[in-house]
């Protein structure tokens, strides 16, 4: 989960990017955007982009240290730390939307593991 969250943060900060999904998925992205950016937590069993599926067995302590470092960089960087890249599913996002997505994504996984 930590490696998965690290990959998401790297996208939000523009360190990496993911490829745009097909036209049908883009249309669904626009329709589902209010659900994902509203006040409710992310829905359980939401689809995961293939680029965020982690294979292998990442080292827990390394990923933990990395996620702490990246959260600090992301939080301290403010809006300037958010990417201007297009989100693969939702399209163009504002810095506030990128930040909201990261907060909700982490909240989703912390709830998943009762942390």
PDB file of N, CA and C in Angstrom:
ATOM      1  N   UNK A   1       0.827  -1.189   0.000  1.00  0.00           N
ATOM      2  CA  UNK A   1       0.000   0.000   0.000  1.00  0.00           C
ATOM      3  C   UNK A   1       0.866   1.246   0.000  1.00  0.00           C
ATOM      4  N   UNK A   2       1.977   1.229   0.774  1.00  0.00           N
ATOM      5  CA  UNK A   2       2.850   2.409   0.812  1.00  0.00           C
ATOM      6  C   UNK A   2       3.471   2.681  -0.552  1.00  0.00           C
ATOM      7  N   UNK A   3       3.928   1.629  -1.232  1.00  0.00           N
ATOM      8  CA  UNK A   3       4.515   1.807  -2.566  1.00  0.00           C
ATOM      9  C   UNK A   3       3.465   2.333  -3.544  1.00  0.00           C
ATOM     10  N   UNK A   4       2.249   1.854  -3.416  1.00  0.00           N
ATOM     11  CA  UNK A   4       1.141   2.310  -4.252  1.00  0.00           C
ATOM     12  C   UNK A   4       0.865   3.803  -4.003  1.00  0.00           C
ATOM     13  N   UNK A   5       0.836   4.200  -2.732  1.00  0.00           N
ATOM     14  CA  UNK A   5       0.618   5.612  -2.398  1.00  0.00           C
ATOM     15  C   UNK A   5       1.786   6.481  -2.852  1.00  0.00           C
ATOM     16  N   UNK A   6       3.006   5.949  -2.761  1.00  0.00           N
ATOM     17  CA  UNK A   6       4.170   6.682  -3.263  1.00  0.00           C
ATOM     18  C   UNK A   6       4.041   6.935  -4.760  1.00  0.00           C
ATOM     19  N   UNK A   7       3.593   5.934  -5.501  1.00  0.00           N
ATOM     20  CA  UNK A   7       3.427   6.091  -6.948  1.00  0.00           C
ATOM     21  C   UNK A   7       2.395   7.178  -7.252  1.00  0.00           C
ATOM     22  N   UNK A   8       1.339   7.221  -6.474  1.00  0.00           N
ATOM     23  CA  UNK A   8       0.311   8.243  -6.668  1.00  0.00           C
ATOM     24  C   UNK A   8       0.843   9.640  -6.371  1.00  0.00           C
ATOM     25  N   UNK A   9       1.588   9.770  -5.288  1.00  0.00           N
ATOM     26  CA  UNK A   9       2.189  11.068  -4.949  1.00  0.00           C
ATOM     27  C   UNK A   9       3.160  11.522  -6.035  1.00  0.00           C
ATOM     28  N   UNK A  10       3.924  10.592  -6.586  1.00  0.00           N
ATOM     29  CA  UNK A  10       4.878  10.939  -7.641  1.00  0.00           C
ATOM     30  C   UNK A  10       4.154  11.483  -8.866  1.00  0.00           C
ATOM     31  N   UNK A  11       2.985  10.945  -9.160  1.00  0.00           N
ATOM     32  CA  UNK A  11       2.191  11.477 -10.275  1.00  0.00           C
ATOM     33  C   UNK A  11       1.690  12.873  -9.942  1.00  0.00           C
ATOM     34  N   UNK A  12       1.175  13.053  -8.729  1.00  0.00           N
ATOM     35  CA  UNK A  12       0.630  14.353  -8.327  1.00  0.00           C
ATOM     36  C   UNK A  12       1.696  15.438  -8.319  1.00  0.00           C
ATOM     37  N   UNK A  13       2.966  15.049  -8.064  1.00  0.00           N
ATOM     38  CA  UNK A  13       4.055  16.028  -8.040  1.00  0.00           C
ATOM     39  C   UNK A  13       4.756  16.156  -9.392  1.00  0.00           C
ATOM     40  N   UNK A  14       4.315  15.375 -10.385  1.00  0.00           N
ATOM     41  CA  UNK A  14       4.907  15.472 -11.713  1.00  0.00           C
ATOM     42  C   UNK A  14       6.211  14.727 -11.873  1.00  0.00           C
ATOM     43  N   UNK A  15       6.575  13.893 -10.907  1.00  0.00           N
ATOM     44  CA  UNK A  15       7.798  13.092 -11.005  1.00  0.00           C
ATOM     45  C   UNK A  15       7.604  12.017 -12.063  1.00  0.00           C
ATOM     46  N   UNK A  16       6.397  11.452 -12.096  1.00  0.00           N
ATOM     47  CA  UNK A  16       6.023  10.473 -13.119  1.00  0.00           C
ATOM     48  C   UNK A  16       4.693  10.925 -13.714  1.00  0.00           C
ATOM     49  N   UNK A  17       4.302  10.292 -14.780  1.00  0.00           N
ATOM     50  CA  UNK A  17       2.983  10.555 -15.353  1.00  0.00           C
ATOM     51  C   UNK A  17       2.425   9.239 -15.862  1.00  0.00           C
ATOM     52  N   UNK A  18       1.131   9.181 -15.984  1.00  0.00           N
ATOM     53  CA  UNK A  18       0.513   7.979 -16.531  1.00  0.00           C
ATOM     54  C   UNK A  18      -0.157   8.348 -17.845  1.00  0.00           C
ATOM     55  N   UNK A  19      -0.302   7.345 -18.696  1.00  0.00           N
ATOM     56  CA  UNK A  19      -0.870   7.583 -20.013  1.00  0.00           C
ATOM     57  C   UNK A  19      -2.373   7.804 -19.912  1.00  0.00           C
ATOM     58  N   UNK A  20      -2.869   8.631 -20.813  1.00  0.00           N
ATOM     59  CA  UNK A  20      -4.305   8.884 -20.858  1.00  0.00           C
ATOM     60  C   UNK A  20      -5.024   7.601 -21.223  1.00  0.00           C
ATOM     61  N   UNK A  21      -6.166   7.394 -20.606  1.00  0.00           N
ATOM     62  CA  UNK A  21      -6.989   6.230 -20.890  1.00  0.00           C
ATOM     63  C   UNK A  21      -7.830   6.504 -22.131  1.00  0.00           C
ATOM     64  N   UNK A  22      -8.531   5.499 -22.597  1.00  0.00           N
ATOM     65  CA  UNK A  22      -9.329   5.632 -23.805  1.00  0.00           C
ATOM     66  C   UNK A  22     -10.486   6.601 -23.675  1.00  0.00           C
ATOM     67  N   UNK A  23     -11.110   6.888 -24.789  1.00  0.00           N
ATOM     68  CA  UNK A  23     -12.189   7.879 -24.861  1.00  0.00           C
ATOM     69  C   UNK A  23     -13.351   7.540 -23.936  1.00  0.00           C
ATOM     70  N   UNK A  24     -13.780   6.294 -23.913  1.00  0.00           N
ATOM     71  CA  UNK A  24     -14.911   5.913 -23.063  1.00  0.00           C
ATOM     72  C   UNK A  24     -14.565   6.148 -21.595  1.00  0.00           C
ATOM     73  N   UNK A  25     -13.360   5.766 -21.187  1.00  0.00           N
ATOM     74  CA  UNK A  25     -12.935   5.972 -19.796  1.00  0.00           C
ATOM     75  C   UNK A  25     -12.847   7.461 -19.477  1.00  0.00           C
ATOM     76  N   UNK A  26     -12.404   8.264 -20.426  1.00  0.00           N
ATOM     77  CA  UNK A  26     -12.349   9.713 -20.203  1.00  0.00           C
ATOM     78  C   UNK A  26     -13.738  10.293 -19.961  1.00  0.00           C
ATOM     79  N   UNK A  27     -14.712   9.805 -20.725  1.00  0.00           N
ATOM     80  CA  UNK A  27     -16.087  10.276 -20.532  1.00  0.00           C
ATOM     81  C   UNK A  27     -16.598   9.872 -19.154  1.00  0.00           C
ATOM     82  N   UNK A  28     -16.315   8.632 -18.744  1.00  0.00           N
ATOM     83  CA  UNK A  28     -16.711   8.198 -17.410  1.00  0.00           C
ATOM     84  C   UNK A  28     -15.970   9.006 -16.344  1.00  0.00           C
ATOM     85  N   UNK A  29     -14.723   9.346 -16.612  1.00  0.00           N
ATOM     86  CA  UNK A  29     -13.952  10.157 -15.675  1.00  0.00           C
ATOM     87  C   UNK A  29     -14.636  11.486 -15.412  1.00  0.00           C
ATOM     88  N   UNK A  30     -15.125  12.113 -16.472  1.00  0.00           N
ATOM     89  CA  UNK A  30     -15.825  13.390 -16.305  1.00  0.00           C
ATOM     90  C   UNK A  30     -17.107  13.202 -15.519  1.00  0.00           C
ATOM     91  N   UNK A  31     -17.809  12.105 -15.763  1.00  0.00           N
ATOM     92  CA  UNK A  31     -19.057  11.846 -15.041  1.00  0.00           C
ATOM     93  C   UNK A  31     -18.811  11.512 -13.577  1.00  0.00           C
ATOM     94  N   UNK A  32     -17.723  10.798 -13.295  1.00  0.00           N
ATOM     95  CA  UNK A  32     -17.437  10.363 -11.928  1.00  0.00           C
ATOM     96  C   UNK A  32     -16.634  11.376 -11.119  1.00  0.00           C
ATOM     97  N   UNK A  33     -16.107  12.383 -11.782  1.00  0.00           N
ATOM     98  CA  UNK A  33     -15.257  13.363 -11.081  1.00  0.00           C
ATOM     99  C   UNK A  33     -15.938  13.966  -9.852  1.00  0.00           C
ATOM    100  N   UNK A  34     -17.208  14.379  -9.926  1.00  0.00           N
ATOM    101  CA  UNK A  34     -17.839  14.935  -8.723  1.00  0.00           C
ATOM    102  C   UNK A  34     -17.891  13.933  -7.563  1.00  0.00           C
ATOM    103  N   UNK A  35     -18.041  12.655  -7.866  1.00  0.00           N
ATOM    104  CA  UNK A  35     -18.061  11.626  -6.825  1.00  0.00           C
ATOM    105  C   UNK A  35     -16.716  11.543  -6.128  1.00  0.00           C
ATOM    106  N   UNK A  36     -15.644  11.582  -6.891  1.00  0.00           N
ATOM    107  CA  UNK A  36     -14.310  11.435  -6.328  1.00  0.00           C
ATOM    108  C   UNK A  36     -13.806  12.694  -5.643  1.00  0.00           C
ATOM    109  N   UNK A  37     -14.305  13.848  -6.032  1.00  0.00           N
ATOM    110  CA  UNK A  37     -13.823  15.096  -5.452  1.00  0.00           C
ATOM    111  C   UNK A  37     -14.825  15.728  -4.494  1.00  0.00           C
ATOM    112  N   UNK A  38     -15.931  15.041  -4.243  1.00  0.00           N
ATOM    113  CA  UNK A  38     -16.919  15.523  -3.294  1.00  0.00           C
ATOM    114  C   UNK A  38     -16.482  15.235  -1.859  1.00  0.00           C
ATOM    115  N   UNK A  39     -17.402  15.375  -0.936  1.00  0.00           N
ATOM    116  CA  UNK A  39     -17.088  15.221   0.484  1.00  0.00           C
ATOM    117  C   UNK A  39     -17.008  13.770   0.935  1.00  0.00           C
ATOM    118  N   UNK A  40     -17.627  12.857   0.224  1.00  0.00           N
ATOM    119  CA  UNK A  40     -17.628  11.453   0.637  1.00  0.00           C
ATOM    120  C   UNK A  40     -16.262  10.809   0.393  1.00  0.00           C
ATOM    121  N   UNK A  41     -15.893   9.819   1.219  1.00  0.00           N
ATOM    122  CA  UNK A  41     -14.645   9.086   0.987  1.00  0.00           C
ATOM    123  C   UNK A  41     -14.695   8.348  -0.350  1.00  0.00           C
ATOM    124  N   UNK A  42     -13.533   7.968  -0.856  1.00  0.00           N
ATOM    125  CA  UNK A  42     -13.480   7.169  -2.081  1.00  0.00           C
ATOM    126  C   UNK A  42     -14.307   5.906  -1.876  1.00  0.00           C
ATOM    127  N   UNK A  43     -15.008   5.467  -2.904  1.00  0.00           N
ATOM    128  CA  UNK A  43     -15.777   4.235  -2.789  1.00  0.00           C
ATOM    129  C   UNK A  43     -14.850   3.019  -2.647  1.00  0.00           C
ATOM    130  N   UNK A  44     -15.313   2.018  -1.898  1.00  0.00           N
ATOM    131  CA  UNK A  44     -14.544   0.781  -1.764  1.00  0.00           C
ATOM    132  C   UNK A  44     -14.505   0.071  -3.114  1.00  0.00           C
ATOM    133  N   UNK A  45     -13.425  -0.670  -3.332  1.00  0.00           N
ATOM    134  CA  UNK A  45     -13.239  -1.478  -4.538  1.00  0.00           C
ATOM    135  C   UNK A  45     -13.246  -0.652  -5.823  1.00  0.00           C
ATOM    136  N   UNK A  46     -12.771   0.590  -5.741  1.00  0.00           N
ATOM    137  CA  UNK A  46     -12.639   1.409  -6.945  1.00  0.00           C
ATOM    138  C   UNK A  46     -11.561   0.811  -7.836  1.00  0.00           C
ATOM    139  N   UNK A  47     -11.708   1.006  -9.118  1.00  0.00           N
ATOM    140  CA  UNK A  47     -10.716   0.496 -10.065  1.00  0.00           C
ATOM    141  C   UNK A  47      -9.375   1.187  -9.850  1.00  0.00           C
ATOM    142  N   UNK A  48      -8.296   0.452 -10.068  1.00  0.00           N
ATOM    143  CA  UNK A  48      -6.942   0.985  -9.921  1.00  0.00           C
ATOM    144  C   UNK A  48      -6.267   0.999 -11.278  1.00  0.00           C
ATOM    145  N   UNK A  49      -5.710   2.140 -11.654  1.00  0.00           N
ATOM    146  CA  UNK A  49      -4.940   2.249 -12.888  1.00  0.00           C
ATOM    147  C   UNK A  49      -3.785   1.254 -12.828  1.00  0.00           C
ATOM    148  N   UNK A  50      -3.519   0.595 -13.927  1.00  0.00           N
ATOM    149  CA  UNK A  50      -2.467  -0.418 -13.986  1.00  0.00           C
ATOM    150  C   UNK A  50      -1.106   0.113 -13.543  1.00  0.00           C
ATOM    151  N   UNK A  51      -0.857   1.395 -13.767  1.00  0.00           N
ATOM    152  CA  UNK A  51       0.448   1.957 -13.403  1.00  0.00           C
ATOM    153  C   UNK A  51       0.631   2.060 -11.889  1.00  0.00           C
ATOM    154  N   UNK A  52      -0.444   1.884 -11.130  1.00  0.00           N
ATOM    155  CA  UNK A  52      -0.359   1.959  -9.669  1.00  0.00           C
ATOM    156  C   UNK A  52      -0.470   0.599  -8.991  1.00  0.00           C
ATOM    157  N   UNK A  53      -0.513  -0.444  -9.773  1.00  0.00           N
ATOM    158  CA  UNK A  53      -0.524  -1.792  -9.204  1.00  0.00           C
ATOM    159  C   UNK A  53       0.924  -2.190  -8.973  1.00  0.00           C
ATOM    160  N   UNK A  54       1.245  -2.475  -7.730  1.00  0.00           N
ATOM    161  CA  UNK A  54       2.619  -2.776  -7.341  1.00  0.00           C
ATOM    162  C   UNK A  54       2.829  -4.286  -7.324  1.00  0.00           C
ATOM    163  N   UNK A  55       3.813  -4.721  -8.061  1.00  0.00           N
ATOM    164  CA  UNK A  55       4.178  -6.139  -8.092  1.00  0.00           C
ATOM    165  C   UNK A  55       5.408  -6.358  -7.221  1.00  0.00           C
ATOM    166  N   UNK A  56       5.596  -7.583  -6.806  1.00  0.00           N
ATOM    167  CA  UNK A  56       6.756  -7.884  -5.971  1.00  0.00           C
ATOM    168  C   UNK A  56       6.441  -7.593  -4.515  1.00  0.00           C
ATOM    169  N   UNK A  57       7.494  -7.462  -3.738  1.00  0.00           N
ATOM    170  CA  UNK A  57       7.360  -7.263  -2.302  1.00  0.00           C
ATOM    171  C   UNK A  57       8.268  -6.106  -1.874  1.00  0.00           C
ATOM    172  N   UNK A  58       7.814  -4.864  -2.047  1.00  0.00           N
ATOM    173  CA  UNK A  58       8.650  -3.717  -1.681  1.00  0.00           C
ATOM    174  C   UNK A  58       9.020  -3.745  -0.193  1.00  0.00           C
ATOM    175  N   UNK A  59      10.166  -3.181   0.116  1.00  0.00           N
ATOM    176  CA  UNK A  59      10.625  -3.114   1.493  1.00  0.00           C
ATOM    177  C   UNK A  59       9.771  -2.105   2.271  1.00  0.00           C
ATOM    178  N   UNK A  60       9.130  -2.569   3.332  1.00  0.00           N
ATOM    179  CA  UNK A  60       8.207  -1.737   4.096  1.00  0.00           C
ATOM    180  C   UNK A  60       8.883  -0.485   4.644  1.00  0.00           C
ATOM    181  N   UNK A  61      10.040  -0.644   5.288  1.00  0.00           N
ATOM    182  CA  UNK A  61      10.714   0.497   5.918  1.00  0.00           C
ATOM    183  C   UNK A  61      11.161   1.527   4.885  1.00  0.00           C
ATOM    184  N   UNK A  62      11.638   1.073   3.732  1.00  0.00           N
ATOM    185  CA  UNK A  62      12.041   1.997   2.666  1.00  0.00           C
ATOM    186  C   UNK A  62      10.836   2.781   2.141  1.00  0.00           C
ATOM    187  N   UNK A  63       9.738   2.078   1.906  1.00  0.00           N
ATOM    188  CA  UNK A  63       8.533   2.739   1.395  1.00  0.00           C
ATOM    189  C   UNK A  63       7.940   3.682   2.445  1.00  0.00           C
ATOM    190  N   UNK A  64       8.006   3.291   3.698  1.00  0.00           N
ATOM    191  CA  UNK A  64       7.514   4.142   4.779  1.00  0.00           C
ATOM    192  C   UNK A  64       8.313   5.443   4.838  1.00  0.00           C
ATOM    193  N   UNK A  65       9.649   5.334   4.794  1.00  0.00           N
ATOM    194  CA  UNK A  65      10.497   6.533   4.829  1.00  0.00           C
ATOM    195  C   UNK A  65      10.225   7.408   3.606  1.00  0.00           C
ATOM    196  N   UNK A  66      10.043   6.766   2.459  1.00  0.00           N
ATOM    197  CA  UNK A  66       9.791   7.518   1.224  1.00  0.00           C
ATOM    198  C   UNK A  66       8.447   8.238   1.276  1.00  0.00           C
ATOM    199  N   UNK A  67       7.416   7.572   1.775  1.00  0.00           N
ATOM    200  CA  UNK A  67       6.103   8.204   1.805  1.00  0.00           C
ATOM    201  C   UNK A  67       6.093   9.387   2.778  1.00  0.00           C
ATOM    202  N   UNK A  68       6.780   9.253   3.878  1.00  0.00           N
ATOM    203  CA  UNK A  68       6.878  10.376   4.822  1.00  0.00           C
ATOM    204  C   UNK A  68       7.588  11.554   4.163  1.00  0.00           C
ATOM    205  N   UNK A  69       8.680  11.280   3.490  1.00  0.00           N
ATOM    206  CA  UNK A  69       9.456  12.324   2.798  1.00  0.00           C
ATOM    207  C   UNK A  69       8.607  12.993   1.711  1.00  0.00           C
ATOM    208  N   UNK A  70       7.900  12.183   0.936  1.00  0.00           N
ATOM    209  CA  UNK A  70       7.101  12.739  -0.164  1.00  0.00           C
ATOM    210  C   UNK A  70       5.892  13.534   0.349  1.00  0.00           C
ATOM    211  N   UNK A  71       5.273  13.078   1.419  1.00  0.00           N
ATOM    212  CA  UNK A  71       4.145  13.839   1.990  1.00  0.00           C
ATOM    213  C   UNK A  71       4.648  15.199   2.457  1.00  0.00           C
ATOM    214  N   UNK A  72       5.804  15.226   3.097  1.00  0.00           N
ATOM    215  CA  UNK A  72       6.371  16.505   3.556  1.00  0.00           C
ATOM    216  C   UNK A  72       6.661  17.419   2.374  1.00  0.00           C
ATOM    217  N   UNK A  73       7.279  16.883   1.318  1.00  0.00           N
ATOM    218  CA  UNK A  73       7.581  17.690   0.133  1.00  0.00           C
ATOM    219  C   UNK A  73       6.300  18.219  -0.504  1.00  0.00           C
ATOM    220  N   UNK A  74       5.306  17.357  -0.602  1.00  0.00           N
ATOM    221  CA  UNK A  74       4.039  17.738  -1.223  1.00  0.00           C
ATOM    222  C   UNK A  74       3.347  18.824  -0.403  1.00  0.00           C
ATOM    223  N   UNK A  75       3.300  18.649   0.914  1.00  0.00           N
ATOM    224  CA  UNK A  75       2.633  19.613   1.794  1.00  0.00           C
ATOM    225  C   UNK A  75       3.371  20.947   1.838  1.00  0.00           C
ATOM    226  N   UNK A  76       4.700  20.896   1.912  1.00  0.00           N
ATOM    227  CA  UNK A  76       5.484  22.126   1.993  1.00  0.00           C
ATOM    228  C   UNK A  76       5.532  22.864   0.666  1.00  0.00           C
ATOM    229  N   UNK A  77       5.348  22.150  -0.435  1.00  0.00           N
ATOM    230  CA  UNK A  77       5.449  22.766  -1.757  1.00  0.00           C
ATOM    231  C   UNK A  77       4.255  23.599  -2.148  1.00  0.00           C
ATOM    232  N   UNK A  78       3.126  23.376  -1.486  1.00  0.00           N
ATOM    233  CA  UNK A  78       1.928  24.122  -1.838  1.00  0.00           C
ATOM    234  C   UNK A  78       1.481  23.834  -3.258  1.00  0.00           C
ATOM    235  N   UNK A  79       0.707  24.733  -3.807  1.00  0.00           N
ATOM    236  CA  UNK A  79       0.157  24.546  -5.152  1.00  0.00           C
ATOM    237  C   UNK A  79       1.247  24.361  -6.205  1.00  0.00           C
ATOM    238  N   UNK A  80       2.404  24.987  -5.984  1.00  0.00           N
ATOM    239  CA  UNK A  80       3.491  24.878  -6.961  1.00  0.00           C
ATOM    240  C   UNK A  80       4.040  23.452  -7.045  1.00  0.00           C
ATOM    241  N   UNK A  81       3.824  22.646  -6.012  1.00  0.00           N
ATOM    242  CA  UNK A  81       4.343  21.281  -6.005  1.00  0.00           C
ATOM    243  C   UNK A  81       3.445  20.344  -6.815  1.00  0.00           C
ATOM    244  N   UNK A  82       2.226  20.780  -7.140  1.00  0.00           N
ATOM    245  CA  UNK A  82       1.311  19.944  -7.916  1.00  0.00           C
ATOM    246  C   UNK A  82       1.665  20.004  -9.395  1.00  0.00           C
ATOM    247  N   UNK A  83       1.475  18.896 -10.049  1.00  0.00           N
ATOM    248  CA  UNK A  83       1.780  18.810 -11.468  1.00  0.00           C
ATOM    249  C   UNK A  83       0.781  19.597 -12.308  1.00  0.00           C
ATOM    250  N   UNK A  84       1.183  19.920 -13.501  1.00  0.00           N
ATOM    251  CA  UNK A  84       0.256  20.472 -14.479  1.00  0.00           C
ATOM    252  C   UNK A  84      -0.099  19.409 -15.513  1.00  0.00           C
ATOM    253  N   UNK A  85       0.427  18.176 -15.310  1.00  0.00           N
ATOM    254  CA  UNK A  85       0.118  17.070 -16.212  1.00  0.00           C
ATOM    255  C   UNK A  85      -1.365  16.720 -16.130  1.00  0.00           C
ATOM    256  N   UNK A  86      -1.855  16.149 -17.186  1.00  0.00           N
ATOM    257  CA  UNK A  86      -3.243  15.706 -17.248  1.00  0.00           C
ATOM    258  C   UNK A  86      -3.370  14.401 -16.460  1.00  0.00           C
ATOM    259  N   UNK A  87      -4.423  14.267 -15.662  1.00  0.00           N
ATOM    260  CA  UNK A  87      -4.692  13.017 -14.965  1.00  0.00           C
ATOM    261  C   UNK A  87      -5.216  12.006 -15.980  1.00  0.00           C
ATOM    262  N   UNK A  88      -4.768  10.775 -15.887  1.00  0.00           N
ATOM    263  CA  UNK A  88      -5.110   9.752 -16.878  1.00  0.00           C
ATOM    264  C   UNK A  88      -6.621   9.550 -17.022  1.00  0.00           C
ATOM    265  N   UNK A  89      -7.357   9.659 -15.942  1.00  0.00           N
ATOM    266  CA  UNK A  89      -8.788   9.365 -15.954  1.00  0.00           C
ATOM    267  C   UNK A  89      -9.653  10.629 -15.899  1.00  0.00           C
ATOM    268  N   UNK A  90      -9.253  11.598 -15.077  1.00  0.00           N
ATOM    269  CA  UNK A  90     -10.082  12.786 -14.847  1.00  0.00           C
ATOM    270  C   UNK A  90      -9.725  13.969 -15.736  1.00  0.00           C
ATOM    271  N   UNK A  91      -8.605  13.923 -16.431  1.00  0.00           N
ATOM    272  CA  UNK A  91      -8.208  15.041 -17.280  1.00  0.00           C
ATOM    273  C   UNK A  91      -7.499  16.125 -16.501  1.00  0.00           C
ATOM    274  N   UNK A  92      -7.699  17.380 -16.895  1.00  0.00           N
ATOM    275  CA  UNK A  92      -7.017  18.503 -16.253  1.00  0.00           C
ATOM    276  C   UNK A  92      -7.544  18.685 -14.836  1.00  0.00           C
ATOM    277  N   UNK A  93      -6.604  18.786 -13.874  1.00  0.00           N
ATOM    278  CA  UNK A  93      -6.948  19.022 -12.475  1.00  0.00           C
ATOM    279  C   UNK A  93      -6.248  20.278 -11.984  1.00  0.00           C
ATOM    280  N   UNK A  94      -6.902  20.997 -11.107  1.00  0.00           N
ATOM    281  CA  UNK A  94      -6.283  22.153 -10.460  1.00  0.00           C
ATOM    282  C   UNK A  94      -5.360  21.644  -9.352  1.00  0.00           C
ATOM    283  N   UNK A  95      -4.455  22.481  -8.854  1.00  0.00           N
ATOM    284  CA  UNK A  95      -3.647  22.064  -7.702  1.00  0.00           C
ATOM    285  C   UNK A  95      -4.503  21.625  -6.512  1.00  0.00           C
ATOM    286  N   UNK A  96      -5.613  22.302  -6.280  1.00  0.00           N
ATOM    287  CA  UNK A  96      -6.502  21.920  -5.179  1.00  0.00           C
ATOM    288  C   UNK A  96      -7.083  20.530  -5.417  1.00  0.00           C
ATOM    289  N   UNK A  97      -7.447  20.239  -6.652  1.00  0.00           N
ATOM    290  CA  UNK A  97      -7.980  18.908  -6.959  1.00  0.00           C
ATOM    291  C   UNK A  97      -6.909  17.830  -6.804  1.00  0.00           C
ATOM    292  N   UNK A  98      -5.668  18.112  -7.236  1.00  0.00           N
ATOM    293  CA  UNK A  98      -4.580  17.147  -7.037  1.00  0.00           C
ATOM    294  C   UNK A  98      -4.374  16.893  -5.542  1.00  0.00           C
ATOM    295  N   UNK A  99      -4.380  17.953  -4.752  1.00  0.00           N
ATOM    296  CA  UNK A  99      -4.180  17.811  -3.307  1.00  0.00           C
ATOM    297  C   UNK A  99      -5.341  17.056  -2.670  1.00  0.00           C
ATOM    298  N   UNK A 100      -6.552  17.384  -3.065  1.00  0.00           N
ATOM    299  CA  UNK A 100      -7.725  16.689  -2.540  1.00  0.00           C
ATOM    300  C   UNK A 100      -7.665  15.209  -2.882  1.00  0.00           C
ATOM    301  N   UNK A 101      -7.269  14.914  -4.101  1.00  0.00           N
ATOM    302  CA  UNK A 101      -7.180  13.511  -4.514  1.00  0.00           C
ATOM    303  C   UNK A 101      -6.170  12.751  -3.646  1.00  0.00           C
ATOM    304  N   UNK A 102      -5.036  13.359  -3.371  1.00  0.00           N
ATOM    305  CA  UNK A 102      -4.029  12.681  -2.549  1.00  0.00           C
ATOM    306  C   UNK A 102      -4.539  12.467  -1.131  1.00  0.00           C
ATOM    307  N   UNK A 103      -5.171  13.497  -0.572  1.00  0.00           N
ATOM    308  CA  UNK A 103      -5.723  13.366   0.775  1.00  0.00           C
ATOM    309  C   UNK A 103      -6.756  12.241   0.824  1.00  0.00           C
ATOM    310  N   UNK A 104      -7.684  12.230  -0.138  1.00  0.00           N
ATOM    311  CA  UNK A 104      -8.730  11.215  -0.146  1.00  0.00           C
ATOM    312  C   UNK A 104      -8.162   9.830  -0.425  1.00  0.00           C
ATOM    313  N   UNK A 105      -7.139   9.761  -1.257  1.00  0.00           N
ATOM    314  CA  UNK A 105      -6.509   8.475  -1.574  1.00  0.00           C
ATOM    315  C   UNK A 105      -5.851   7.880  -0.331  1.00  0.00           C
ATOM    316  N   UNK A 106      -5.096   8.702   0.387  1.00  0.00           N
ATOM    317  CA  UNK A 106      -4.461   8.218   1.616  1.00  0.00           C
ATOM    318  C   UNK A 106      -5.525   7.850   2.650  1.00  0.00           C
ATOM    319  N   UNK A 107      -6.546   8.681   2.790  1.00  0.00           N
ATOM    320  CA  UNK A 107      -7.631   8.392   3.719  1.00  0.00           C
ATOM    321  C   UNK A 107      -8.284   7.050   3.384  1.00  0.00           C
ATOM    322  N   UNK A 108      -8.490   6.796   2.106  1.00  0.00           N
ATOM    323  CA  UNK A 108      -9.087   5.546   1.627  1.00  0.00           C
ATOM    324  C   UNK A 108      -8.277   4.344   2.111  1.00  0.00           C
ATOM    325  N   UNK A 109      -6.956   4.407   1.938  1.00  0.00           N
ATOM    326  CA  UNK A 109      -6.121   3.268   2.324  1.00  0.00           C
ATOM    327  C   UNK A 109      -5.920   3.175   3.837  1.00  0.00           C
ATOM    328  N   UNK A 110      -5.870   4.282   4.515  1.00  0.00           N
ATOM    329  CA  UNK A 110      -5.772   4.227   5.980  1.00  0.00           C
ATOM    330  C   UNK A 110      -7.036   3.597   6.570  1.00  0.00           C
ATOM    331  N   UNK A 111      -8.190   3.937   6.012  1.00  0.00           N
ATOM    332  CA  UNK A 111      -9.434   3.304   6.458  1.00  0.00           C
ATOM    333  C   UNK A 111      -9.435   1.818   6.120  1.00  0.00           C
ATOM    334  N   UNK A 112      -8.912   1.500   4.935  1.00  0.00           N
ATOM    335  CA  UNK A 112      -8.859   0.110   4.492  1.00  0.00           C
ATOM    336  C   UNK A 112      -8.099  -0.765   5.488  1.00  0.00           C
ATOM    337  N   UNK A 113      -7.042  -0.220   6.063  1.00  0.00           N
ATOM    338  CA  UNK A 113      -6.216  -0.966   6.991  1.00  0.00           C
ATOM    339  C   UNK A 113      -6.467  -0.572   8.455  1.00  0.00           C
ATOM    340  N   UNK A 114      -7.588   0.128   8.689  1.00  0.00           N
ATOM    341  CA  UNK A 114      -7.963   0.555  10.042  1.00  0.00           C
ATOM    342  C   UNK A 114      -6.826   1.281  10.760  1.00  0.00           C
ATOM    343  N   UNK A 115      -6.140   2.123  10.031  1.00  0.00           N
ATOM    344  CA  UNK A 115      -5.010   2.861  10.627  1.00  0.00           C
ATOM    345  C   UNK A 115      -5.422   4.267  11.013  1.00  0.00           C
TER     346      UNK A 115
END
